[in-house]
N, C-alpha and C. Protein backbone atom coordinates (compact mmCIF):
# COMPACT_ATOMS: atom_id res chain seq x y z
N ASP A 1 -3.43 3.66 7.85
CA ASP A 1 -3.41 4.11 9.58
C ASP A 1 -5.09 5.11 9.88
N PHE A 2 -5.91 4.84 8.53
CA PHE A 2 -7.12 5.51 8.99
C PHE A 2 -8.46 4.39 8.68
N VAL A 3 -8.01 3.87 7.52
CA VAL A 3 -8.98 2.93 6.66
C VAL A 3 -9.78 1.71 7.84
N ILE A 4 -8.54 1.26 7.80
CA ILE A 4 -8.69 -0.44 8.90
C ILE A 4 -9.21 0.26 10.02
N PRO A 5 -8.78 1.28 10.92
CA PRO A 5 -9.40 1.29 12.33
C PRO A 5 -10.93 2.40 12.08
N GLN A 6 -11.02 2.78 10.69
CA GLN A 6 -12.34 3.55 10.69
C GLN A 6 -12.09 5.04 11.00
N ILE A 7 -10.75 5.25 11.04
CA ILE A 7 -10.59 7.01 12.05
C ILE A 7 -10.98 8.06 10.84
N PRO A 8 -11.95 8.95 11.05
CA PRO A 8 -12.50 10.14 9.85
C PRO A 8 -11.17 10.83 9.78
N VAL A 9 -10.23 11.44 8.91
CA VAL A 9 -9.37 12.33 8.51
C VAL A 9 -9.50 13.33 7.36
N VAL A 10 -8.95 14.93 7.66
CA VAL A 10 -8.60 15.32 6.66
C VAL A 10 -7.44 15.70 5.79
N LEU A 11 -7.01 15.44 4.57
CA LEU A 11 -6.27 15.65 4.15
C LEU A 11 -6.23 17.14 3.47
N THR A 12 -5.19 17.60 3.59
CA THR A 12 -4.88 19.49 2.78
C THR A 12 -3.73 18.68 1.68
N ASN A 13 -4.10 19.52 0.41
CA ASN A 13 -2.84 19.98 -0.37
C ASN A 13 -3.09 18.69 -0.92
N ALA A 14 -3.62 17.60 -1.06
CA ALA A 14 -3.43 16.73 -1.72
C ALA A 14 -3.29 16.61 -3.24
N VAL A 15 -4.33 17.57 -3.76
CA VAL A 15 -4.77 17.44 -5.10
C VAL A 15 -4.10 18.85 -5.91
N ASN A 16 -3.52 19.92 -5.30
CA ASN A 16 -2.65 21.04 -5.87
C ASN A 16 -2.83 20.73 -7.28
N GLU A 17 -1.85 20.05 -7.74
CA GLU A 17 -1.95 20.10 -9.39
C GLU A 17 -3.06 19.55 -10.37
N TRP A 18 -3.99 19.14 -9.71
CA TRP A 18 -5.07 19.37 -10.56
C TRP A 18 -5.56 20.47 -11.42
N PRO A 19 -5.74 20.35 -12.51
CA PRO A 19 -5.94 21.56 -13.55
C PRO A 19 -6.84 21.76 -12.98
N ALA A 20 -8.22 20.95 -12.73
CA ALA A 20 -9.72 21.53 -12.34
C ALA A 20 -9.96 22.55 -11.41
N LEU A 21 -8.88 22.52 -10.39
CA LEU A 21 -8.92 23.87 -9.04
C LEU A 21 -8.91 24.94 -10.27
N LYS A 22 -8.19 25.50 -11.34
CA LYS A 22 -7.82 26.19 -11.59
C LYS A 22 -9.01 26.53 -13.03
N LYS A 23 -9.29 25.98 -13.37
CA LYS A 23 -10.05 25.54 -15.01
C LYS A 23 -11.75 25.68 -14.60
N TRP A 24 -12.34 24.94 -13.43
CA TRP A 24 -13.83 24.63 -13.33
C TRP A 24 -14.49 26.10 -12.74
N THR A 25 -14.44 26.65 -13.82
CA THR A 25 -15.37 28.04 -13.80
C THR A 25 -16.72 27.79 -13.73
N PRO A 26 -17.68 28.28 -13.93
CA PRO A 26 -19.18 27.92 -14.38
C PRO A 26 -18.88 28.39 -15.87
N GLU A 27 -18.31 29.04 -16.23
CA GLU A 27 -18.42 29.21 -17.78
C GLU A 27 -17.45 28.50 -18.59
N TYR A 28 -16.52 28.17 -18.14
CA TYR A 28 -15.87 26.60 -18.41
C TYR A 28 -16.37 25.09 -18.50
N LEU A 29 -17.03 24.89 -17.30
CA LEU A 29 -18.16 24.00 -17.49
C LEU A 29 -19.08 23.78 -18.39
N ASN A 30 -19.79 25.30 -18.48
CA ASN A 30 -20.75 25.35 -19.51
C ASN A 30 -20.50 25.06 -20.64
N ASN A 31 -19.09 25.36 -21.10
CA ASN A 31 -18.68 25.24 -22.37
C ASN A 31 -18.44 23.73 -22.79
N LYS A 32 -17.85 22.72 -21.71
CA LYS A 32 -17.62 21.84 -21.94
C LYS A 32 -18.50 20.61 -21.85
N ILE A 33 -19.76 20.89 -20.89
CA ILE A 33 -21.14 20.42 -20.30
C ILE A 33 -22.24 20.90 -20.57
N GLY A 34 -21.96 21.85 -21.02
CA GLY A 34 -23.36 22.48 -20.47
C GLY A 34 -25.02 21.66 -21.57
N SER A 35 -24.57 21.34 -22.58
CA SER A 35 -25.77 20.52 -23.39
C SER A 35 -26.15 18.98 -22.89
N VAL A 36 -25.17 18.45 -21.61
CA VAL A 36 -25.47 17.05 -20.73
C VAL A 36 -26.62 17.03 -20.47
N LYS A 37 -27.35 16.28 -20.31
CA LYS A 37 -28.63 15.94 -19.35
C LYS A 37 -27.70 15.66 -18.14
N MET A 38 -28.61 15.94 -16.75
CA MET A 38 -28.19 15.30 -15.59
C MET A 38 -28.98 15.35 -14.95
N GLY A 39 -28.95 13.93 -13.95
CA GLY A 39 -30.00 14.31 -12.86
C GLY A 39 -29.81 15.48 -11.87
N MET A 40 -30.83 16.07 -11.32
CA MET A 40 -30.77 17.63 -10.76
C MET A 40 -31.80 17.22 -9.77
N LYS A 41 -31.33 17.20 -8.26
CA LYS A 41 -32.24 17.99 -7.40
C LYS A 41 -32.90 19.24 -6.63
N LYS A 42 -33.98 19.06 -6.56
CA LYS A 42 -34.75 20.27 -5.91
C LYS A 42 -35.31 20.34 -4.47
N SER A 43 -34.48 21.12 -3.27
CA SER A 43 -34.98 20.93 -2.42
C SER A 43 -35.93 22.42 -2.06
N ALA A 44 -37.39 22.18 -1.52
CA ALA A 44 -37.91 23.34 -1.15
C ALA A 44 -37.43 23.98 -0.06
N THR A 45 -36.37 23.79 0.42
CA THR A 45 -35.58 24.39 1.40
C THR A 45 -34.23 24.32 0.76
N PHE A 46 -33.59 24.83 2.06
CA PHE A 46 -32.00 24.65 1.09
C PHE A 46 -31.35 23.26 1.91
N LYS A 47 -31.96 22.73 2.37
CA LYS A 47 -31.70 21.42 3.23
C LYS A 47 -31.41 20.48 2.05
N HIS A 48 -30.54 19.24 2.14
CA HIS A 48 -30.45 17.88 1.45
C HIS A 48 -30.45 16.81 2.44
N PRO A 49 -31.08 15.92 2.27
CA PRO A 49 -32.48 15.50 1.31
C PRO A 49 -33.27 16.48 1.92
N ASP A 50 -34.53 17.03 1.28
CA ASP A 50 -35.51 18.16 2.20
C ASP A 50 -36.25 16.86 2.69
N ILE A 51 -36.74 16.78 3.52
CA ILE A 51 -37.67 15.49 4.27
C ILE A 51 -38.74 16.08 4.64
N THR A 52 -39.08 16.99 4.13
CA THR A 52 -40.30 17.74 4.08
C THR A 52 -41.21 17.75 2.59
N GLN A 53 -40.63 17.54 1.91
CA GLN A 53 -41.12 16.74 0.30
C GLN A 53 -41.80 15.42 0.60
N ALA A 54 -42.45 15.19 -0.44
CA ALA A 54 -43.17 13.96 -0.86
C ALA A 54 -42.25 13.01 -0.96
N ASP A 55 -41.21 13.07 -2.08
CA ASP A 55 -40.11 12.47 -2.46
C ASP A 55 -38.68 13.10 -2.19
N PRO A 56 -38.06 12.84 -1.25
CA PRO A 56 -37.00 13.53 -0.95
C PRO A 56 -36.13 13.59 -1.99
N GLY A 57 -35.82 12.30 -2.18
CA GLY A 57 -35.04 12.17 -3.08
C GLY A 57 -35.00 12.33 -4.68
N ALA A 58 -36.35 12.75 -4.93
CA ALA A 58 -36.64 13.20 -6.49
C ALA A 58 -35.71 13.61 -7.35
N THR A 59 -35.61 12.97 -8.47
CA THR A 59 -34.25 13.81 -9.40
C THR A 59 -35.07 14.32 -10.88
N THR A 60 -34.73 15.71 -11.20
CA THR A 60 -35.22 15.77 -12.70
C THR A 60 -33.78 15.70 -13.35
N GLN A 61 -34.49 15.51 -14.39
CA GLN A 61 -33.69 15.71 -15.60
C GLN A 61 -33.51 17.43 -16.11
N ALA A 62 -32.18 17.80 -16.17
CA ALA A 62 -32.00 18.99 -16.72
C ALA A 62 -30.86 19.20 -17.42
N THR A 63 -30.21 19.82 -18.30
CA THR A 63 -28.64 20.30 -19.12
C THR A 63 -28.23 20.93 -18.01
N PHE A 64 -26.90 20.99 -18.21
CA PHE A 64 -25.98 21.34 -16.98
C PHE A 64 -26.11 23.06 -17.43
N SER A 65 -26.26 23.58 -18.44
CA SER A 65 -26.73 24.72 -19.06
C SER A 65 -27.46 25.52 -17.92
N GLU A 66 -29.08 24.12 -17.85
CA GLU A 66 -30.25 24.80 -17.03
C GLU A 66 -30.03 24.92 -15.52
N TYR A 67 -29.09 23.91 -14.99
CA TYR A 67 -28.56 23.68 -14.17
C TYR A 67 -28.14 25.37 -13.55
N LEU A 68 -26.97 25.59 -14.58
CA LEU A 68 -26.39 27.08 -14.02
C LEU A 68 -27.38 28.01 -14.09
N GLN A 69 -28.63 28.06 -15.11
CA GLN A 69 -29.79 29.59 -15.12
C GLN A 69 -29.89 29.76 -13.92
N LYS A 70 -30.40 28.13 -12.93
CA LYS A 70 -30.88 28.10 -11.79
C LYS A 70 -30.32 28.12 -10.07
N THR A 71 -29.20 28.15 -10.64
CA THR A 71 -28.44 28.78 -9.30
C THR A 71 -27.36 29.55 -9.78
N ILE A 72 -26.35 29.81 -10.29
CA ILE A 72 -25.34 30.28 -10.73
C ILE A 72 -25.35 31.80 -11.29
N TYR A 73 -26.18 31.85 -12.09
CA TYR A 73 -27.18 32.99 -12.44
C TYR A 73 -28.46 33.42 -12.62
N ASN A 74 -28.65 32.70 -11.24
CA ASN A 74 -29.94 32.92 -10.49
C ASN A 74 -29.81 34.46 -9.74
N LYS A 75 -30.24 35.47 -9.74
CA LYS A 75 -30.28 36.51 -9.05
C LYS A 75 -30.78 36.54 -7.66
N ASP A 76 -31.87 35.47 -7.68
CA ASP A 76 -32.43 35.27 -5.89
C ASP A 76 -31.61 34.30 -5.39
N ALA A 77 -31.10 34.83 -4.19
CA ALA A 77 -30.09 33.85 -3.80
C ALA A 77 -31.12 32.77 -2.71
N SER A 78 -32.33 33.18 -2.31
CA SER A 78 -33.02 32.10 -1.96
C SER A 78 -33.71 30.72 -2.78
N ASP A 79 -33.50 30.88 -4.04
CA ASP A 79 -34.10 30.08 -4.94
C ASP A 79 -32.96 29.23 -5.40
N ARG A 80 -31.83 29.71 -5.81
CA ARG A 80 -30.59 29.03 -6.33
C ARG A 80 -29.96 27.85 -5.33
N VAL A 81 -29.91 28.19 -3.98
CA VAL A 81 -29.84 27.46 -3.18
C VAL A 81 -30.58 26.07 -3.07
N LYS A 82 -31.43 26.10 -3.94
CA LYS A 82 -32.72 24.88 -3.72
C LYS A 82 -32.47 23.65 -4.93
N TYR A 83 -30.94 24.15 -5.52
CA TYR A 83 -30.96 23.30 -6.63
C TYR A 83 -29.31 22.80 -6.44
N TYR A 84 -29.20 21.55 -6.84
CA TYR A 84 -28.26 20.37 -6.61
C TYR A 84 -28.00 19.47 -7.80
N VAL A 85 -26.91 19.65 -8.39
CA VAL A 85 -26.22 18.24 -9.31
C VAL A 85 -25.96 17.03 -8.42
N SER A 86 -26.73 15.99 -8.10
CA SER A 86 -26.52 14.68 -7.31
C SER A 86 -25.38 13.84 -7.67
N GLY A 87 -24.65 13.39 -6.76
CA GLY A 87 -23.22 12.31 -7.47
C GLY A 87 -24.13 10.76 -7.46
N ASP A 88 -25.41 11.28 -6.90
CA ASP A 88 -25.88 9.64 -6.90
C ASP A 88 -26.81 9.21 -8.32
N GLU A 89 -26.43 10.57 -9.37
CA GLU A 89 -27.15 9.52 -10.48
C GLU A 89 -25.84 10.15 -11.66
N ASN A 90 -25.36 11.03 -11.18
CA ASN A 90 -24.17 11.55 -12.13
C ASN A 90 -22.88 11.26 -11.68
N PHE A 91 -21.83 10.59 -12.58
CA PHE A 91 -20.97 10.12 -11.97
C PHE A 91 -19.48 9.77 -12.96
N PHE A 92 -18.40 10.35 -12.58
CA PHE A 92 -17.50 10.22 -14.07
C PHE A 92 -17.22 8.28 -14.37
N TYR A 93 -17.14 7.61 -13.29
CA TYR A 93 -16.54 6.46 -13.25
C TYR A 93 -17.55 5.60 -12.31
N LYS A 94 -18.62 4.41 -12.59
CA LYS A 94 -19.12 3.44 -11.60
C LYS A 94 -19.06 1.97 -11.81
N GLU A 95 -18.15 1.57 -11.14
CA GLU A 95 -18.08 -0.19 -11.10
C GLU A 95 -17.64 0.03 -12.69
N GLY A 96 -16.53 0.53 -13.47
CA GLY A 96 -15.89 -0.34 -14.14
C GLY A 96 -16.17 0.63 -15.82
N GLU A 97 -17.49 1.28 -15.49
CA GLU A 97 -18.29 2.19 -16.68
C GLU A 97 -18.40 3.52 -16.53
N ARG A 98 -17.14 4.30 -17.42
CA ARG A 98 -16.92 5.62 -17.43
C ARG A 98 -18.29 6.17 -18.38
N ASN A 99 -18.71 7.48 -17.84
CA ASN A 99 -19.80 8.10 -18.29
C ASN A 99 -19.38 8.99 -19.59
N GLU A 100 -19.72 8.42 -20.73
CA GLU A 100 -19.31 9.21 -21.89
C GLU A 100 -19.59 10.83 -21.85
N ALA A 101 -20.63 11.09 -21.03
CA ALA A 101 -21.37 12.32 -21.30
C ALA A 101 -20.27 13.34 -20.78
N ILE A 102 -19.79 12.94 -19.72
CA ILE A 102 -18.87 13.86 -19.11
C ILE A 102 -17.23 13.53 -19.19
N LYS A 103 -17.02 12.63 -19.97
CA LYS A 103 -15.52 12.00 -19.70
C LYS A 103 -14.52 13.60 -19.96
N VAL A 104 -15.33 14.13 -20.67
CA VAL A 104 -14.22 15.63 -21.29
C VAL A 104 -13.61 16.29 -19.99
N LEU A 105 -14.31 16.05 -18.66
CA LEU A 105 -13.59 16.82 -17.70
C LEU A 105 -12.45 15.93 -16.93
N MET A 106 -12.39 14.70 -17.38
CA MET A 106 -11.43 13.83 -16.80
C MET A 106 -10.21 13.77 -16.76
N ASP A 107 -9.85 14.77 -17.88
CA ASP A 107 -8.61 15.09 -18.16
C ASP A 107 -7.89 16.44 -17.08
N ASP A 108 -9.25 16.77 -16.31
CA ASP A 108 -8.70 17.78 -15.38
C ASP A 108 -8.34 17.43 -14.03
N PHE A 109 -8.50 16.34 -13.68
CA PHE A 109 -7.80 15.64 -12.41
C PHE A 109 -7.96 13.87 -12.67
N SER A 110 -6.87 13.47 -11.36
CA SER A 110 -6.79 12.04 -11.53
C SER A 110 -7.12 11.33 -10.04
N THR A 111 -7.12 10.36 -10.17
CA THR A 111 -7.40 9.38 -8.78
C THR A 111 -6.53 9.78 -8.07
N PRO A 112 -6.63 10.19 -6.54
CA PRO A 112 -5.67 10.50 -5.81
C PRO A 112 -5.06 9.09 -5.23
N ASP A 113 -3.35 8.96 -5.06
CA ASP A 113 -3.13 7.95 -4.67
C ASP A 113 -3.12 7.51 -3.58
N LEU A 114 -4.47 7.09 -2.44
CA LEU A 114 -4.45 7.26 -1.23
C LEU A 114 -4.94 5.62 -1.35
N PHE A 115 -5.33 4.73 -2.21
CA PHE A 115 -5.51 3.57 -1.84
C PHE A 115 -5.52 2.56 -3.39
N PRO A 116 -5.11 0.95 -3.44
CA PRO A 116 -5.08 0.46 -4.46
C PRO A 116 -6.41 0.80 -5.33
N SER A 117 -5.63 1.06 -6.90
CA SER A 117 -6.85 1.81 -7.82
C SER A 117 -8.24 0.70 -8.10
N GLU A 118 -7.46 -1.10 -7.71
CA GLU A 118 -8.35 -2.19 -7.86
C GLU A 118 -9.58 -1.68 -7.06
N LEU A 119 -9.61 -1.12 -6.03
CA LEU A 119 -10.77 -0.95 -4.83
C LEU A 119 -11.82 0.46 -5.05
N LEU A 120 -11.09 1.15 -6.29
CA LEU A 120 -12.03 2.70 -6.69
C LEU A 120 -13.87 1.54 -7.58
N ARG A 121 -14.65 2.40 -6.64
CA ARG A 121 -15.82 2.20 -7.28
C ARG A 121 -16.70 2.67 -8.11
N GLN A 122 -16.14 4.03 -7.63
CA GLN A 122 -17.23 5.12 -8.08
C GLN A 122 -16.51 6.49 -7.99
N ILE A 123 -16.47 7.59 -8.87
CA ILE A 123 -16.28 8.88 -8.60
C ILE A 123 -17.49 9.90 -9.44
N SER A 124 -17.95 9.94 -8.48
CA SER A 124 -19.39 10.94 -8.56
C SER A 124 -19.04 12.63 -8.85
N PHE A 125 -19.99 13.33 -9.00
CA PHE A 125 -20.13 14.95 -9.73
C PHE A 125 -21.06 15.20 -8.98
N TRP A 126 -20.82 15.88 -7.79
CA TRP A 126 -21.65 16.67 -7.08
C TRP A 126 -21.26 18.18 -7.42
N ILE A 127 -22.46 19.16 -7.49
CA ILE A 127 -22.12 20.51 -7.38
C ILE A 127 -23.25 20.99 -7.09
N SER A 128 -23.21 22.28 -6.21
CA SER A 128 -24.06 22.93 -5.48
C SER A 128 -23.56 23.85 -5.41
N VAL A 129 -24.32 25.59 -4.73
CA VAL A 129 -23.76 26.89 -4.70
C VAL A 129 -23.89 27.03 -3.21
N LYS A 130 -23.15 28.06 -2.68
CA LYS A 130 -22.95 28.32 -1.77
C LYS A 130 -24.48 28.69 -0.70
N GLY A 131 -24.54 27.82 0.76
CA GLY A 131 -25.43 27.61 1.54
C GLY A 131 -26.52 26.39 1.41
N LEU A 132 -26.16 25.68 0.47
CA LEU A 132 -26.88 24.23 0.79
C LEU A 132 -26.81 23.36 1.77
N PHE A 133 -26.97 22.72 2.54
CA PHE A 133 -26.97 21.98 3.77
C PHE A 133 -27.59 20.53 3.58
N SER A 134 -26.39 19.58 4.15
CA SER A 134 -26.40 18.14 3.82
C SER A 134 -26.44 17.95 5.66
N TRP A 135 -27.89 17.15 5.73
CA TRP A 135 -27.78 16.65 7.24
C TRP A 135 -26.69 15.71 7.40
N LEU A 136 -26.54 16.02 8.37
CA LEU A 136 -25.58 14.32 9.47
C LEU A 136 -26.47 13.09 8.57
N HIS A 137 -25.05 12.20 7.89
CA HIS A 137 -25.91 10.92 7.60
C HIS A 137 -24.77 10.26 7.33
N PHE A 138 -24.90 9.18 7.41
CA PHE A 138 -23.99 8.31 6.90
C PHE A 138 -24.13 7.30 5.23
N ASP A 139 -23.30 7.46 4.56
CA ASP A 139 -23.59 7.07 3.03
C ASP A 139 -23.52 5.43 3.05
N GLY A 140 -24.31 5.31 2.54
CA GLY A 140 -24.82 3.75 3.06
C GLY A 140 -24.31 2.61 1.94
N ASN A 141 -23.23 2.99 1.17
CA ASN A 141 -22.82 2.24 0.01
C ASN A 141 -21.46 1.22 0.56
N CYS A 142 -21.53 1.50 2.34
CA CYS A 142 -20.09 0.42 2.73
C CYS A 142 -19.11 0.49 2.16
N TYR A 143 -18.88 1.44 1.38
CA TYR A 143 -17.54 2.06 0.78
C TYR A 143 -16.79 3.21 1.38
N ASN A 144 -15.36 3.45 1.66
CA ASN A 144 -15.11 4.56 2.18
C ASN A 144 -15.07 5.36 1.01
N ASN A 145 -15.22 6.54 1.83
CA ASN A 145 -15.54 7.76 0.78
C ASN A 145 -14.18 8.89 0.68
N VAL A 146 -14.30 9.47 -0.13
CA VAL A 146 -13.19 10.70 -0.56
C VAL A 146 -13.86 11.75 -0.96
N ASN A 147 -14.03 12.65 -0.34
CA ASN A 147 -14.57 14.23 -0.42
C ASN A 147 -13.48 14.75 -0.77
N ILE A 148 -13.67 15.89 -2.06
CA ILE A 148 -12.41 16.34 -2.71
C ILE A 148 -13.60 17.61 -2.94
N GLN A 149 -13.07 18.88 -2.49
CA GLN A 149 -13.85 20.11 -2.96
C GLN A 149 -13.02 20.73 -4.04
N VAL A 150 -13.38 20.64 -5.13
CA VAL A 150 -12.57 21.70 -6.21
C VAL A 150 -12.55 23.13 -6.23
N ALA A 151 -14.16 23.57 -5.75
CA ALA A 151 -13.90 25.18 -5.57
C ALA A 151 -15.04 25.30 -4.72
N GLY A 152 -14.47 26.61 -3.70
CA GLY A 152 -15.53 26.88 -2.82
C GLY A 152 -14.93 26.47 -1.28
N SER A 153 -15.99 26.22 -0.47
CA SER A 153 -15.71 25.71 0.84
C SER A 153 -16.76 24.67 1.35
N LYS A 154 -16.37 24.48 2.52
CA LYS A 154 -17.27 23.13 2.90
C LYS A 154 -17.31 23.06 4.27
N LYS A 155 -17.70 22.80 4.89
CA LYS A 155 -17.78 23.18 6.59
C LYS A 155 -17.90 21.56 6.85
N VAL A 156 -17.11 20.42 7.28
CA VAL A 156 -17.92 19.09 7.20
C VAL A 156 -17.58 18.37 8.74
N HIS A 157 -18.61 18.08 9.16
CA HIS A 157 -18.35 17.53 10.36
C HIS A 157 -17.71 15.86 10.03
N LEU A 158 -16.93 15.53 10.67
CA LEU A 158 -16.46 13.62 10.35
C LEU A 158 -16.50 13.24 11.88
N ILE A 159 -17.50 12.20 11.60
CA ILE A 159 -17.28 11.55 13.14
C ILE A 159 -16.86 9.88 13.19
N ASN A 160 -16.31 9.65 14.43
CA ASN A 160 -15.88 8.09 14.01
C ASN A 160 -17.51 7.39 14.40
N PRO A 161 -17.43 6.47 13.26
CA PRO A 161 -18.19 5.49 13.53
C PRO A 161 -18.76 4.79 14.60
N ASN A 162 -17.34 4.71 15.41
CA ASN A 162 -17.62 4.06 16.60
C ASN A 162 -18.89 5.05 17.42
N ASP A 163 -19.24 6.19 17.45
CA ASP A 163 -19.76 7.08 18.24
C ASP A 163 -21.19 7.15 17.77
N CYS A 164 -21.31 6.16 16.56
CA CYS A 164 -22.78 6.61 16.05
C CYS A 164 -23.74 6.16 17.30
N GLU A 165 -23.43 5.17 18.04
CA GLU A 165 -24.33 5.15 19.41
C GLU A 165 -24.95 6.40 20.07
N LYS A 166 -24.12 7.22 20.01
CA LYS A 166 -24.13 8.71 20.60
C LYS A 166 -25.04 9.68 20.32
N LEU A 167 -25.07 9.28 19.16
CA LEU A 167 -26.02 10.23 17.62
C LEU A 167 -27.68 9.97 17.79
N TYR A 168 -28.21 10.89 17.52
CA TYR A 168 -29.77 10.90 17.67
C TYR A 168 -30.26 11.94 17.05
N PRO A 169 -31.65 11.50 15.98
CA PRO A 169 -31.90 12.53 15.37
C PRO A 169 -32.46 13.44 16.09
N ILE A 170 -32.75 14.75 15.18
CA ILE A 170 -33.48 16.07 15.65
C ILE A 170 -34.21 16.42 15.50
């Protein structure tokens, strides 16, 4: 009903049974994957990607514990919003390959039954704190995306691909 005609849709309460909804606290994640090296991005501002930087997509390696120290446990709100764990580099599953370093978290969720499983290409792991802003963008991987918010909230503007010619950069 939505994929073939390319109509953005919001589904609610689709993953209410996921253990991740209750388990995924900073403490739990730190206990499970705190020592795992991950791709972390830094923005000089609170915007992703930060187009004012020489390399807006630059990634550094940090353990998940180091990420938590720079964000959740950082008392400086203006500094902590500059860091995020990017799903571009961090994934649970990608083209048949499982990420052994974070597979321990895969028991906490299941793939939603929204499409045939053979069409699944990637399950990414994105994490950020309140206040991070992502520009209007099109994920150029040519796949349909499912964004599942495990904790917190996110304001998302979905735009029909047929309306792209009405958009312009500011």
